[in-house]
């Protein structure tokens, strides 16, 4: 699977079709309707974390890899029309580091 060139929806559809599973069976496993799953596959709707976990289990995929694929799609779709998307990504990466460092609880040293 070349995750960089495929979207989350394309990967899910590919695995579903490789296993000859109809939309209705996978949708039933996710406890959603068929049209919602079709929208996931077309990247028109977003699954929640529980759906991602279940899809990873169903298709024997690494859950973290699938989550990274999904989250990177969300970022890419948000930035696709921006001319400065690469700069935005660099700044966002630094902001993530900053926010994490602010939210990290520092241990207290006792002597």
PDB file of N, CA and C in Angstrom:
ATOM      1  N   UNK A   1       0.847  -1.182   0.000  1.00  0.00           N
ATOM      2  CA  UNK A   1       0.000   0.000   0.000  1.00  0.00           C
ATOM      3  C   UNK A   1       0.880   1.228   0.000  1.00  0.00           C
ATOM      4  N   UNK A   2       0.720   2.069  -0.959  1.00  0.00           N
ATOM      5  CA  UNK A   2       1.457   3.318  -1.004  1.00  0.00           C
ATOM      6  C   UNK A   2       0.567   4.404  -0.421  1.00  0.00           C
ATOM      7  N   UNK A   3       0.615   4.510   0.908  1.00  0.00           N
ATOM      8  CA  UNK A   3      -0.300   5.398   1.636  1.00  0.00           C
ATOM      9  C   UNK A   3      -0.136   6.856   1.259  1.00  0.00           C
ATOM     10  N   UNK A   4       1.029   7.242   0.805  1.00  0.00           N
ATOM     11  CA  UNK A   4       1.242   8.646   0.480  1.00  0.00           C
ATOM     12  C   UNK A   4       0.417   9.047  -0.738  1.00  0.00           C
ATOM     13  N   UNK A   5       0.225   8.129  -1.655  1.00  0.00           N
ATOM     14  CA  UNK A   5      -0.478   8.467  -2.892  1.00  0.00           C
ATOM     15  C   UNK A   5      -1.957   8.091  -2.864  1.00  0.00           C
ATOM     16  N   UNK A   6      -2.403   7.395  -1.845  1.00  0.00           N
ATOM     17  CA  UNK A   6      -3.808   7.002  -1.756  1.00  0.00           C
ATOM     18  C   UNK A   6      -4.464   7.689  -0.571  1.00  0.00           C
ATOM     19  N   UNK A   7      -5.749   7.945  -0.734  1.00  0.00           N
ATOM     20  CA  UNK A   7      -6.500   8.535   0.369  1.00  0.00           C
ATOM     21  C   UNK A   7      -6.991   7.430   1.299  1.00  0.00           C
ATOM     22  N   UNK A   8      -7.408   7.843   2.486  1.00  0.00           N
ATOM     23  CA  UNK A   8      -7.982   6.911   3.456  1.00  0.00           C
ATOM     24  C   UNK A   8      -9.115   6.131   2.808  1.00  0.00           C
ATOM     25  N   UNK A   9     -10.018   6.840   2.142  1.00  0.00           N
ATOM     26  CA  UNK A   9     -11.166   6.189   1.509  1.00  0.00           C
ATOM     27  C   UNK A   9     -10.761   5.182   0.442  1.00  0.00           C
ATOM     28  N   UNK A  10      -9.761   5.531  -0.354  1.00  0.00           N
ATOM     29  CA  UNK A  10      -9.289   4.613  -1.394  1.00  0.00           C
ATOM     30  C   UNK A  10      -8.703   3.340  -0.789  1.00  0.00           C
ATOM     31  N   UNK A  11      -7.974   3.496   0.304  1.00  0.00           N
ATOM     32  CA  UNK A  11      -7.374   2.330   0.964  1.00  0.00           C
ATOM     33  C   UNK A  11      -8.466   1.428   1.540  1.00  0.00           C
ATOM     34  N   UNK A  12      -9.449   2.025   2.187  1.00  0.00           N
ATOM     35  CA  UNK A  12     -10.550   1.230   2.752  1.00  0.00           C
ATOM     36  C   UNK A  12     -11.297   0.501   1.646  1.00  0.00           C
ATOM     37  N   UNK A  13     -11.630   1.201   0.579  1.00  0.00           N
ATOM     38  CA  UNK A  13     -12.332   0.564  -0.548  1.00  0.00           C
ATOM     39  C   UNK A  13     -11.495  -0.573  -1.127  1.00  0.00           C
ATOM     40  N   UNK A  14     -10.202  -0.346  -1.308  1.00  0.00           N
ATOM     41  CA  UNK A  14      -9.317  -1.365  -1.865  1.00  0.00           C
ATOM     42  C   UNK A  14      -9.329  -2.635  -1.011  1.00  0.00           C
ATOM     43  N   UNK A  15      -9.207  -2.476   0.293  1.00  0.00           N
ATOM     44  CA  UNK A  15      -9.197  -3.641   1.181  1.00  0.00           C
ATOM     45  C   UNK A  15     -10.555  -4.326   1.224  1.00  0.00           C
ATOM     46  N   UNK A  16     -11.623  -3.550   1.209  1.00  0.00           N
ATOM     47  CA  UNK A  16     -12.964  -4.143   1.206  1.00  0.00           C
ATOM     48  C   UNK A  16     -13.169  -4.966  -0.062  1.00  0.00           C
ATOM     49  N   UNK A  17     -12.777  -4.410  -1.196  1.00  0.00           N
ATOM     50  CA  UNK A  17     -12.953  -5.111  -2.474  1.00  0.00           C
ATOM     51  C   UNK A  17     -12.033  -6.328  -2.576  1.00  0.00           C
ATOM     52  N   UNK A  18     -10.819  -6.231  -2.057  1.00  0.00           N
ATOM     53  CA  UNK A  18      -9.901  -7.372  -2.081  1.00  0.00           C
ATOM     54  C   UNK A  18     -10.465  -8.549  -1.305  1.00  0.00           C
ATOM     55  N   UNK A  19     -11.244  -8.257  -0.266  1.00  0.00           N
ATOM     56  CA  UNK A  19     -11.851  -9.312   0.540  1.00  0.00           C
ATOM     57  C   UNK A  19     -13.265  -9.661   0.059  1.00  0.00           C
ATOM     58  N   UNK A  20     -13.641  -9.093  -1.080  1.00  0.00           N
ATOM     59  CA  UNK A  20     -14.968  -9.338  -1.668  1.00  0.00           C
ATOM     60  C   UNK A  20     -16.103  -9.090  -0.675  1.00  0.00           C
ATOM     61  N   UNK A  21     -15.983  -8.011   0.079  1.00  0.00           N
ATOM     62  CA  UNK A  21     -17.012  -7.657   1.041  1.00  0.00           C
ATOM     63  C   UNK A  21     -17.894  -6.553   0.478  1.00  0.00           C
ATOM     64  N   UNK A  22     -19.198  -6.754   0.480  1.00  0.00           N
ATOM     65  CA  UNK A  22     -20.083  -5.676   0.031  1.00  0.00           C
ATOM     66  C   UNK A  22     -20.139  -4.553   1.070  1.00  0.00           C
ATOM     67  N   UNK A  23     -20.473  -3.375   0.617  1.00  0.00           N
ATOM     68  CA  UNK A  23     -20.600  -2.221   1.513  1.00  0.00           C
ATOM     69  C   UNK A  23     -21.484  -2.539   2.719  1.00  0.00           C
ATOM     70  N   UNK A  24     -22.592  -3.218   2.476  1.00  0.00           N
ATOM     71  CA  UNK A  24     -23.561  -3.465   3.548  1.00  0.00           C
ATOM     72  C   UNK A  24     -22.981  -4.290   4.691  1.00  0.00           C
ATOM     73  N   UNK A  25     -22.083  -5.246   4.386  1.00  0.00           N
ATOM     74  CA  UNK A  25     -21.502  -6.082   5.442  1.00  0.00           C
ATOM     75  C   UNK A  25     -20.500  -5.291   6.281  1.00  0.00           C
ATOM     76  N   UNK A  26     -19.679  -4.499   5.630  1.00  0.00           N
ATOM     77  CA  UNK A  26     -18.712  -3.687   6.367  1.00  0.00           C
ATOM     78  C   UNK A  26     -19.453  -2.624   7.169  1.00  0.00           C
ATOM     79  N   UNK A  27     -20.449  -2.010   6.573  1.00  0.00           N
ATOM     80  CA  UNK A  27     -21.239  -0.991   7.273  1.00  0.00           C
ATOM     81  C   UNK A  27     -21.906  -1.587   8.512  1.00  0.00           C
ATOM     82  N   UNK A  28     -22.428  -2.796   8.396  1.00  0.00           N
ATOM     83  CA  UNK A  28     -23.063  -3.445   9.542  1.00  0.00           C
ATOM     84  C   UNK A  28     -22.054  -3.665  10.667  1.00  0.00           C
ATOM     85  N   UNK A  29     -20.832  -4.048  10.325  1.00  0.00           N
ATOM     86  CA  UNK A  29     -19.780  -4.235  11.334  1.00  0.00           C
ATOM     87  C   UNK A  29     -19.441  -2.926  12.045  1.00  0.00           C
ATOM     88  N   UNK A  30     -19.563  -1.829  11.318  1.00  0.00           N
ATOM     89  CA  UNK A  30     -19.265  -0.507  11.888  1.00  0.00           C
ATOM     90  C   UNK A  30     -20.479   0.121  12.568  1.00  0.00           C
ATOM     91  N   UNK A  31     -21.643  -0.524  12.416  1.00  0.00           N
ATOM     92  CA  UNK A  31     -22.903  -0.023  12.948  1.00  0.00           C
ATOM     93  C   UNK A  31     -23.252   1.342  12.354  1.00  0.00           C
ATOM     94  N   UNK A  32     -23.070   1.434  11.026  1.00  0.00           N
ATOM     95  CA  UNK A  32     -23.447   2.634  10.278  1.00  0.00           C
ATOM     96  C   UNK A  32     -24.226   2.182   9.053  1.00  0.00           C
ATOM     97  N   UNK A  33     -24.854   3.121   8.364  1.00  0.00           N
ATOM     98  CA  UNK A  33     -25.568   2.721   7.153  1.00  0.00           C
ATOM     99  C   UNK A  33     -24.603   2.688   5.967  1.00  0.00           C
ATOM    100  N   UNK A  34     -25.050   2.010   4.936  1.00  0.00           N
ATOM    101  CA  UNK A  34     -24.224   1.798   3.744  1.00  0.00           C
ATOM    102  C   UNK A  34     -23.808   3.114   3.101  1.00  0.00           C
ATOM    103  N   UNK A  35     -24.703   4.080   3.064  1.00  0.00           N
ATOM    104  CA  UNK A  35     -24.372   5.352   2.426  1.00  0.00           C
ATOM    105  C   UNK A  35     -23.268   6.094   3.183  1.00  0.00           C
ATOM    106  N   UNK A  36     -23.221   5.948   4.495  1.00  0.00           N
ATOM    107  CA  UNK A  36     -22.157   6.585   5.278  1.00  0.00           C
ATOM    108  C   UNK A  36     -20.806   5.959   4.945  1.00  0.00           C
ATOM    109  N   UNK A  37     -20.766   4.632   4.851  1.00  0.00           N
ATOM    110  CA  UNK A  37     -19.517   3.967   4.476  1.00  0.00           C
ATOM    111  C   UNK A  37     -19.088   4.383   3.068  1.00  0.00           C
ATOM    112  N   UNK A  38     -20.039   4.470   2.154  1.00  0.00           N
ATOM    113  CA  UNK A  38     -19.713   4.906   0.790  1.00  0.00           C
ATOM    114  C   UNK A  38     -19.115   6.311   0.815  1.00  0.00           C
ATOM    115  N   UNK A  39     -19.628   7.167   1.686  1.00  0.00           N
ATOM    116  CA  UNK A  39     -19.081   8.524   1.808  1.00  0.00           C
ATOM    117  C   UNK A  39     -17.687   8.512   2.429  1.00  0.00           C
ATOM    118  N   UNK A  40     -17.410   7.583   3.352  1.00  0.00           N
ATOM    119  CA  UNK A  40     -16.048   7.428   3.871  1.00  0.00           C
ATOM    120  C   UNK A  40     -15.112   7.090   2.712  1.00  0.00           C
ATOM    121  N   UNK A  41     -15.536   6.142   1.887  1.00  0.00           N
ATOM    122  CA  UNK A  41     -14.700   5.679   0.775  1.00  0.00           C
ATOM    123  C   UNK A  41     -14.477   6.760  -0.275  1.00  0.00           C
ATOM    124  N   UNK A  42     -15.428   7.683  -0.389  1.00  0.00           N
ATOM    125  CA  UNK A  42     -15.302   8.791  -1.351  1.00  0.00           C
ATOM    126  C   UNK A  42     -14.712  10.039  -0.697  1.00  0.00           C
ATOM    127  N   UNK A  43     -14.307   9.906   0.562  1.00  0.00           N
ATOM    128  CA  UNK A  43     -13.726  11.017   1.326  1.00  0.00           C
ATOM    129  C   UNK A  43     -14.692  12.193   1.467  1.00  0.00           C
ATOM    130  N   UNK A  44     -15.972  11.888   1.566  1.00  0.00           N
ATOM    131  CA  UNK A  44     -16.995  12.920   1.733  1.00  0.00           C
ATOM    132  C   UNK A  44     -17.462  13.054   3.178  1.00  0.00           C
ATOM    133  N   UNK A  45     -17.164  12.033   3.990  1.00  0.00           N
ATOM    134  CA  UNK A  45     -17.484  12.048   5.421  1.00  0.00           C
ATOM    135  C   UNK A  45     -16.299  11.519   6.179  1.00  0.00           C
ATOM    136  N   UNK A  46     -16.229  11.882   7.455  1.00  0.00           N
ATOM    137  CA  UNK A  46     -15.103  11.478   8.282  1.00  0.00           C
ATOM    138  C   UNK A  46     -15.529  10.412   9.286  1.00  0.00           C
ATOM    139  N   UNK A  47     -14.769   9.328   9.350  1.00  0.00           N
ATOM    140  CA  UNK A  47     -15.054   8.329  10.386  1.00  0.00           C
ATOM    141  C   UNK A  47     -14.582   8.840  11.744  1.00  0.00           C
ATOM    142  N   UNK A  48     -15.082   8.239  12.802  1.00  0.00           N
ATOM    143  CA  UNK A  48     -14.552   8.571  14.120  1.00  0.00           C
ATOM    144  C   UNK A  48     -13.469   7.545  14.482  1.00  0.00           C
ATOM    145  N   UNK A  49     -12.840   7.730  15.610  1.00  0.00           N
ATOM    146  CA  UNK A  49     -11.740   6.830  15.999  1.00  0.00           C
ATOM    147  C   UNK A  49     -12.202   5.391  16.149  1.00  0.00           C
ATOM    148  N   UNK A  50     -13.399   5.200  16.654  1.00  0.00           N
ATOM    149  CA  UNK A  50     -13.927   3.840  16.804  1.00  0.00           C
ATOM    150  C   UNK A  50     -14.055   3.162  15.441  1.00  0.00           C
ATOM    151  N   UNK A  51     -14.519   3.890  14.451  1.00  0.00           N
ATOM    152  CA  UNK A  51     -14.620   3.328  13.097  1.00  0.00           C
ATOM    153  C   UNK A  51     -13.240   2.949  12.570  1.00  0.00           C
ATOM    154  N   UNK A  52     -12.262   3.820  12.804  1.00  0.00           N
ATOM    155  CA  UNK A  52     -10.904   3.544  12.334  1.00  0.00           C
ATOM    156  C   UNK A  52     -10.354   2.294  13.001  1.00  0.00           C
ATOM    157  N   UNK A  53     -10.588   2.162  14.300  1.00  0.00           N
ATOM    158  CA  UNK A  53     -10.146   0.970  15.031  1.00  0.00           C
ATOM    159  C   UNK A  53     -10.788  -0.285  14.457  1.00  0.00           C
ATOM    160  N   UNK A  54     -12.091  -0.238  14.230  1.00  0.00           N
ATOM    161  CA  UNK A  54     -12.799  -1.407  13.690  1.00  0.00           C
ATOM    162  C   UNK A  54     -12.347  -1.744  12.269  1.00  0.00           C
ATOM    163  N   UNK A  55     -12.127  -0.717  11.454  1.00  0.00           N
ATOM    164  CA  UNK A  55     -11.652  -0.955  10.082  1.00  0.00           C
ATOM    165  C   UNK A  55     -10.265  -1.582  10.090  1.00  0.00           C
ATOM    166  N   UNK A  56      -9.406  -1.115  10.968  1.00  0.00           N
ATOM    167  CA  UNK A  56      -8.063  -1.690  11.077  1.00  0.00           C
ATOM    168  C   UNK A  56      -8.152  -3.165  11.462  1.00  0.00           C
ATOM    169  N   UNK A  57      -9.017  -3.480  12.412  1.00  0.00           N
ATOM    170  CA  UNK A  57      -9.200  -4.876  12.822  1.00  0.00           C
ATOM    171  C   UNK A  57      -9.768  -5.724  11.685  1.00  0.00           C
ATOM    172  N   UNK A  58     -10.790  -5.209  11.027  1.00  0.00           N
ATOM    173  CA  UNK A  58     -11.446  -5.939   9.939  1.00  0.00           C
ATOM    174  C   UNK A  58     -10.498  -6.295   8.811  1.00  0.00           C
ATOM    175  N   UNK A  59      -9.634  -5.339   8.468  1.00  0.00           N
ATOM    176  CA  UNK A  59      -8.762  -5.513   7.315  1.00  0.00           C
ATOM    177  C   UNK A  59      -7.327  -5.860   7.703  1.00  0.00           C
ATOM    178  N   UNK A  60      -7.101  -6.170   8.978  1.00  0.00           N
ATOM    179  CA  UNK A  60      -5.776  -6.547   9.494  1.00  0.00           C
ATOM    180  C   UNK A  60      -4.729  -5.489   9.136  1.00  0.00           C
ATOM    181  N   UNK A  61      -5.077  -4.235   9.403  1.00  0.00           N
ATOM    182  CA  UNK A  61      -4.172  -3.119   9.157  1.00  0.00           C
ATOM    183  C   UNK A  61      -3.678  -2.585  10.495  1.00  0.00           C
ATOM    184  N   UNK A  62      -2.521  -1.978  10.491  1.00  0.00           N
ATOM    185  CA  UNK A  62      -2.017  -1.352  11.697  1.00  0.00           C
ATOM    186  C   UNK A  62      -2.878  -0.125  12.001  1.00  0.00           C
ATOM    187  N   UNK A  63      -3.434  -0.081  13.198  1.00  0.00           N
ATOM    188  CA  UNK A  63      -4.352   1.007  13.552  1.00  0.00           C
ATOM    189  C   UNK A  63      -3.679   2.373  13.500  1.00  0.00           C
ATOM    190  N   UNK A  64      -2.444   2.460  13.981  1.00  0.00           N
ATOM    191  CA  UNK A  64      -1.744   3.746  13.966  1.00  0.00           C
ATOM    192  C   UNK A  64      -1.454   4.206  12.539  1.00  0.00           C
ATOM    193  N   UNK A  65      -1.091   3.269  11.661  1.00  0.00           N
ATOM    194  CA  UNK A  65      -0.859   3.628  10.259  1.00  0.00           C
ATOM    195  C   UNK A  65      -2.139   4.147   9.614  1.00  0.00           C
ATOM    196  N   UNK A  66      -3.264   3.485   9.917  1.00  0.00           N
ATOM    197  CA  UNK A  66      -4.544   3.910   9.362  1.00  0.00           C
ATOM    198  C   UNK A  66      -4.947   5.275   9.908  1.00  0.00           C
ATOM    199  N   UNK A  67      -4.688   5.501  11.182  1.00  0.00           N
ATOM    200  CA  UNK A  67      -4.994   6.797  11.789  1.00  0.00           C
ATOM    201  C   UNK A  67      -4.144   7.904  11.167  1.00  0.00           C
ATOM    202  N   UNK A  68      -2.862   7.640  10.949  1.00  0.00           N
ATOM    203  CA  UNK A  68      -1.986   8.618  10.307  1.00  0.00           C
ATOM    204  C   UNK A  68      -2.487   8.923   8.900  1.00  0.00           C
ATOM    205  N   UNK A  69      -2.886   7.897   8.176  1.00  0.00           N
ATOM    206  CA  UNK A  69      -3.417   8.086   6.827  1.00  0.00           C
ATOM    207  C   UNK A  69      -4.652   8.980   6.864  1.00  0.00           C
ATOM    208  N   UNK A  70      -5.562   8.699   7.774  1.00  0.00           N
ATOM    209  CA  UNK A  70      -6.787   9.479   7.900  1.00  0.00           C
ATOM    210  C   UNK A  70      -6.485  10.943   8.279  1.00  0.00           C
ATOM    211  N   UNK A  71      -5.667  11.143   9.321  1.00  0.00           N
ATOM    212  CA  UNK A  71      -5.379  12.507   9.775  1.00  0.00           C
ATOM    213  C   UNK A  71      -4.606  13.299   8.720  1.00  0.00           C
ATOM    214  N   UNK A  72      -3.694  12.640   8.017  1.00  0.00           N
ATOM    215  CA  UNK A  72      -2.954  13.349   6.963  1.00  0.00           C
ATOM    216  C   UNK A  72      -3.885  13.754   5.822  1.00  0.00           C
ATOM    217  N   UNK A  73      -4.890  12.928   5.532  1.00  0.00           N
ATOM    218  CA  UNK A  73      -5.898  13.313   4.536  1.00  0.00           C
ATOM    219  C   UNK A  73      -6.629  14.577   4.961  1.00  0.00           C
ATOM    220  N   UNK A  74      -7.017  14.636   6.220  1.00  0.00           N
ATOM    221  CA  UNK A  74      -7.762  15.806   6.703  1.00  0.00           C
ATOM    222  C   UNK A  74      -6.934  17.070   6.543  1.00  0.00           C
ATOM    223  N   UNK A  75      -5.654  16.991   6.905  1.00  0.00           N
ATOM    224  CA  UNK A  75      -4.776  18.144   6.763  1.00  0.00           C
ATOM    225  C   UNK A  75      -4.617  18.497   5.285  1.00  0.00           C
ATOM    226  N   UNK A  76      -4.371  17.489   4.461  1.00  0.00           N
ATOM    227  CA  UNK A  76      -4.148  17.729   3.028  1.00  0.00           C
ATOM    228  C   UNK A  76      -5.377  18.372   2.382  1.00  0.00           C
ATOM    229  N   UNK A  77      -6.572  17.870   2.693  1.00  0.00           N
ATOM    230  CA  UNK A  77      -7.784  18.459   2.109  1.00  0.00           C
ATOM    231  C   UNK A  77      -8.004  19.886   2.587  1.00  0.00           C
ATOM    232  N   UNK A  78      -7.633  20.176   3.844  1.00  0.00           N
ATOM    233  CA  UNK A  78      -7.767  21.544   4.353  1.00  0.00           C
ATOM    234  C   UNK A  78      -6.819  22.508   3.647  1.00  0.00           C
ATOM    235  N   UNK A  79      -5.651  22.018   3.246  1.00  0.00           N
ATOM    236  CA  UNK A  79      -4.621  22.904   2.699  1.00  0.00           C
ATOM    237  C   UNK A  79      -4.461  22.854   1.189  1.00  0.00           C
ATOM    238  N   UNK A  80      -5.153  21.964   0.526  1.00  0.00           N
ATOM    239  CA  UNK A  80      -4.913  21.737  -0.897  1.00  0.00           C
ATOM    240  C   UNK A  80      -5.054  23.003  -1.744  1.00  0.00           C
ATOM    241  N   UNK A  81      -5.911  23.898  -1.381  1.00  0.00           N
ATOM    242  CA  UNK A  81      -6.119  25.103  -2.177  1.00  0.00           C
ATOM    243  C   UNK A  81      -5.234  26.277  -1.788  1.00  0.00           C
ATOM    244  N   UNK A  82      -4.426  26.098  -0.768  1.00  0.00           N
ATOM    245  CA  UNK A  82      -3.574  27.187  -0.282  1.00  0.00           C
ATOM    246  C   UNK A  82      -2.243  27.204  -1.020  1.00  0.00           C
ATOM    247  N   UNK A  83      -1.809  28.365  -1.434  1.00  0.00           N
ATOM    248  CA  UNK A  83      -0.535  28.475  -2.147  1.00  0.00           C
ATOM    249  C   UNK A  83       0.659  28.346  -1.207  1.00  0.00           C
ATOM    250  N   UNK A  84       0.453  28.580   0.072  1.00  0.00           N
ATOM    251  CA  UNK A  84       1.542  28.526   1.045  1.00  0.00           C
ATOM    252  C   UNK A  84       1.412  27.314   1.976  1.00  0.00           C
ATOM    253  N   UNK A  85       0.874  26.221   1.476  1.00  0.00           N
ATOM    254  CA  UNK A  85       0.595  25.053   2.311  1.00  0.00           C
ATOM    255  C   UNK A  85       1.842  24.473   2.972  1.00  0.00           C
ATOM    256  N   UNK A  86       2.974  24.465   2.283  1.00  0.00           N
ATOM    257  CA  UNK A  86       4.188  23.914   2.874  1.00  0.00           C
ATOM    258  C   UNK A  86       4.660  24.754   4.059  1.00  0.00           C
ATOM    259  N   UNK A  87       4.538  26.067   3.934  1.00  0.00           N
ATOM    260  CA  UNK A  87       4.903  26.953   5.044  1.00  0.00           C
ATOM    261  C   UNK A  87       3.947  26.734   6.215  1.00  0.00           C
ATOM    262  N   UNK A  88       2.675  26.592   5.919  1.00  0.00           N
ATOM    263  CA  UNK A  88       1.681  26.350   6.966  1.00  0.00           C
ATOM    264  C   UNK A  88       2.027  25.058   7.716  1.00  0.00           C
ATOM    265  N   UNK A  89       2.409  24.016   6.991  1.00  0.00           N
ATOM    266  CA  UNK A  89       2.759  22.750   7.629  1.00  0.00           C
ATOM    267  C   UNK A  89       3.980  22.889   8.533  1.00  0.00           C
ATOM    268  N   UNK A  90       4.981  23.618   8.086  1.00  0.00           N
ATOM    269  CA  UNK A  90       6.182  23.833   8.905  1.00  0.00           C
ATOM    270  C   UNK A  90       5.829  24.579  10.197  1.00  0.00           C
ATOM    271  N   UNK A  91       5.035  25.633  10.071  1.00  0.00           N
ATOM    272  CA  UNK A  91       4.632  26.400  11.248  1.00  0.00           C
ATOM    273  C   UNK A  91       3.762  25.546  12.167  1.00  0.00           C
ATOM    274  N   UNK A  92       2.863  24.784  11.598  1.00  0.00           N
ATOM    275  CA  UNK A  92       1.997  23.912  12.405  1.00  0.00           C
ATOM    276  C   UNK A  92       2.825  22.894  13.183  1.00  0.00           C
ATOM    277  N   UNK A  93       3.844  22.344  12.554  1.00  0.00           N
ATOM    278  CA  UNK A  93       4.714  21.388  13.240  1.00  0.00           C
ATOM    279  C   UNK A  93       5.378  22.037  14.461  1.00  0.00           C
ATOM    280  N   UNK A  94       5.847  23.247  14.292  1.00  0.00           N
ATOM    281  CA  UNK A  94       6.457  23.965  15.418  1.00  0.00           C
ATOM    282  C   UNK A  94       5.426  24.284  16.494  1.00  0.00           C
ATOM    283  N   UNK A  95       4.227  24.642  16.080  1.00  0.00           N
ATOM    284  CA  UNK A  95       3.175  24.929  17.060  1.00  0.00           C
ATOM    285  C   UNK A  95       2.806  23.683  17.857  1.00  0.00           C
ATOM    286  N   UNK A  96       2.767  22.542  17.191  1.00  0.00           N
ATOM    287  CA  UNK A  96       2.465  21.293  17.895  1.00  0.00           C
ATOM    288  C   UNK A  96       3.510  21.046  18.975  1.00  0.00           C
ATOM    289  N   UNK A  97       4.780  21.233  18.637  1.00  0.00           N
ATOM    290  CA  UNK A  97       5.856  21.058  19.619  1.00  0.00           C
ATOM    291  C   UNK A  97       5.681  22.032  20.784  1.00  0.00           C
ATOM    292  N   UNK A  98       5.363  23.272  20.465  1.00  0.00           N
ATOM    293  CA  UNK A  98       5.181  24.291  21.489  1.00  0.00           C
ATOM    294  C   UNK A  98       4.004  23.946  22.413  1.00  0.00           C
ATOM    295  N   UNK A  99       2.890  23.600  21.832  1.00  0.00           N
ATOM    296  CA  UNK A  99       1.694  23.280  22.628  1.00  0.00           C
ATOM    297  C   UNK A  99       1.950  22.067  23.505  1.00  0.00           C
ATOM    298  N   UNK A 100       2.604  21.055  22.947  1.00  0.00           N
ATOM    299  CA  UNK A 100       2.928  19.864  23.750  1.00  0.00           C
ATOM    300  C   UNK A 100       3.842  20.218  24.910  1.00  0.00           C
ATOM    301  N   UNK A 101       4.824  21.059  24.649  1.00  0.00           N
ATOM    302  CA  UNK A 101       5.763  21.426  25.728  1.00  0.00           C
ATOM    303  C   UNK A 101       5.045  22.217  26.824  1.00  0.00           C
ATOM    304  N   UNK A 102       4.090  23.047  26.454  1.00  0.00           N
ATOM    305  CA  UNK A 102       3.317  23.802  27.445  1.00  0.00           C
ATOM    306  C   UNK A 102       2.425  22.891  28.271  1.00  0.00           C
ATOM    307  N   UNK A 103       1.912  21.858  27.634  1.00  0.00           N
ATOM    308  CA  UNK A 103       0.959  20.969  28.312  1.00  0.00           C
ATOM    309  C   UNK A 103       1.625  19.830  29.061  1.00  0.00           C
ATOM    310  N   UNK A 104       2.939  19.684  28.911  1.00  0.00           N
ATOM    311  CA  UNK A 104       3.646  18.628  29.613  1.00  0.00           C
ATOM    312  C   UNK A 104       3.828  19.027  31.063  1.00  0.00           C
ATOM    313  N   UNK A 105       3.424  18.175  31.943  1.00  0.00           N
ATOM    314  CA  UNK A 105       3.581  18.449  33.356  1.00  0.00           C
ATOM    315  C   UNK A 105       5.022  18.107  33.743  1.00  0.00           C
ATOM    316  N   UNK A 106       5.710  19.108  34.239  1.00  0.00           N
ATOM    317  CA  UNK A 106       7.094  18.922  34.657  1.00  0.00           C
ATOM    318  C   UNK A 106       7.125  18.271  36.029  1.00  0.00           C
ATOM    319  N   UNK A 107       8.009  17.291  36.187  1.00  0.00           N
ATOM    320  CA  UNK A 107       8.179  16.649  37.497  1.00  0.00           C
ATOM    321  C   UNK A 107       8.903  17.577  38.440  1.00  0.00           C
ATOM    322  N   UNK A 108       8.572  17.459  39.683  1.00  0.00           N
ATOM    323  CA  UNK A 108       9.196  18.293  40.715  1.00  0.00           C
ATOM    324  C   UNK A 108      10.388  17.532  41.274  1.00  0.00           C
ATOM    325  N   UNK A 109      11.553  18.204  41.295  1.00  0.00           N
ATOM    326  CA  UNK A 109      12.743  17.581  41.838  1.00  0.00           C
ATOM    327  C   UNK A 109      12.782  17.820  43.350  1.00  0.00           C
ATOM    328  N   UNK A 110      12.912  16.785  44.087  1.00  0.00           N
ATOM    329  CA  UNK A 110      13.024  16.918  45.545  1.00  0.00           C
ATOM    330  C   UNK A 110      14.402  16.515  46.015  1.00  0.00           C
ATOM    331  N   UNK A 111      15.029  17.374  46.817  1.00  0.00           N
ATOM    332  CA  UNK A 111      16.362  17.058  47.349  1.00  0.00           C
ATOM    333  C   UNK A 111      16.296  16.843  48.825  1.00  0.00           C
TER     334      UNK A 111
END
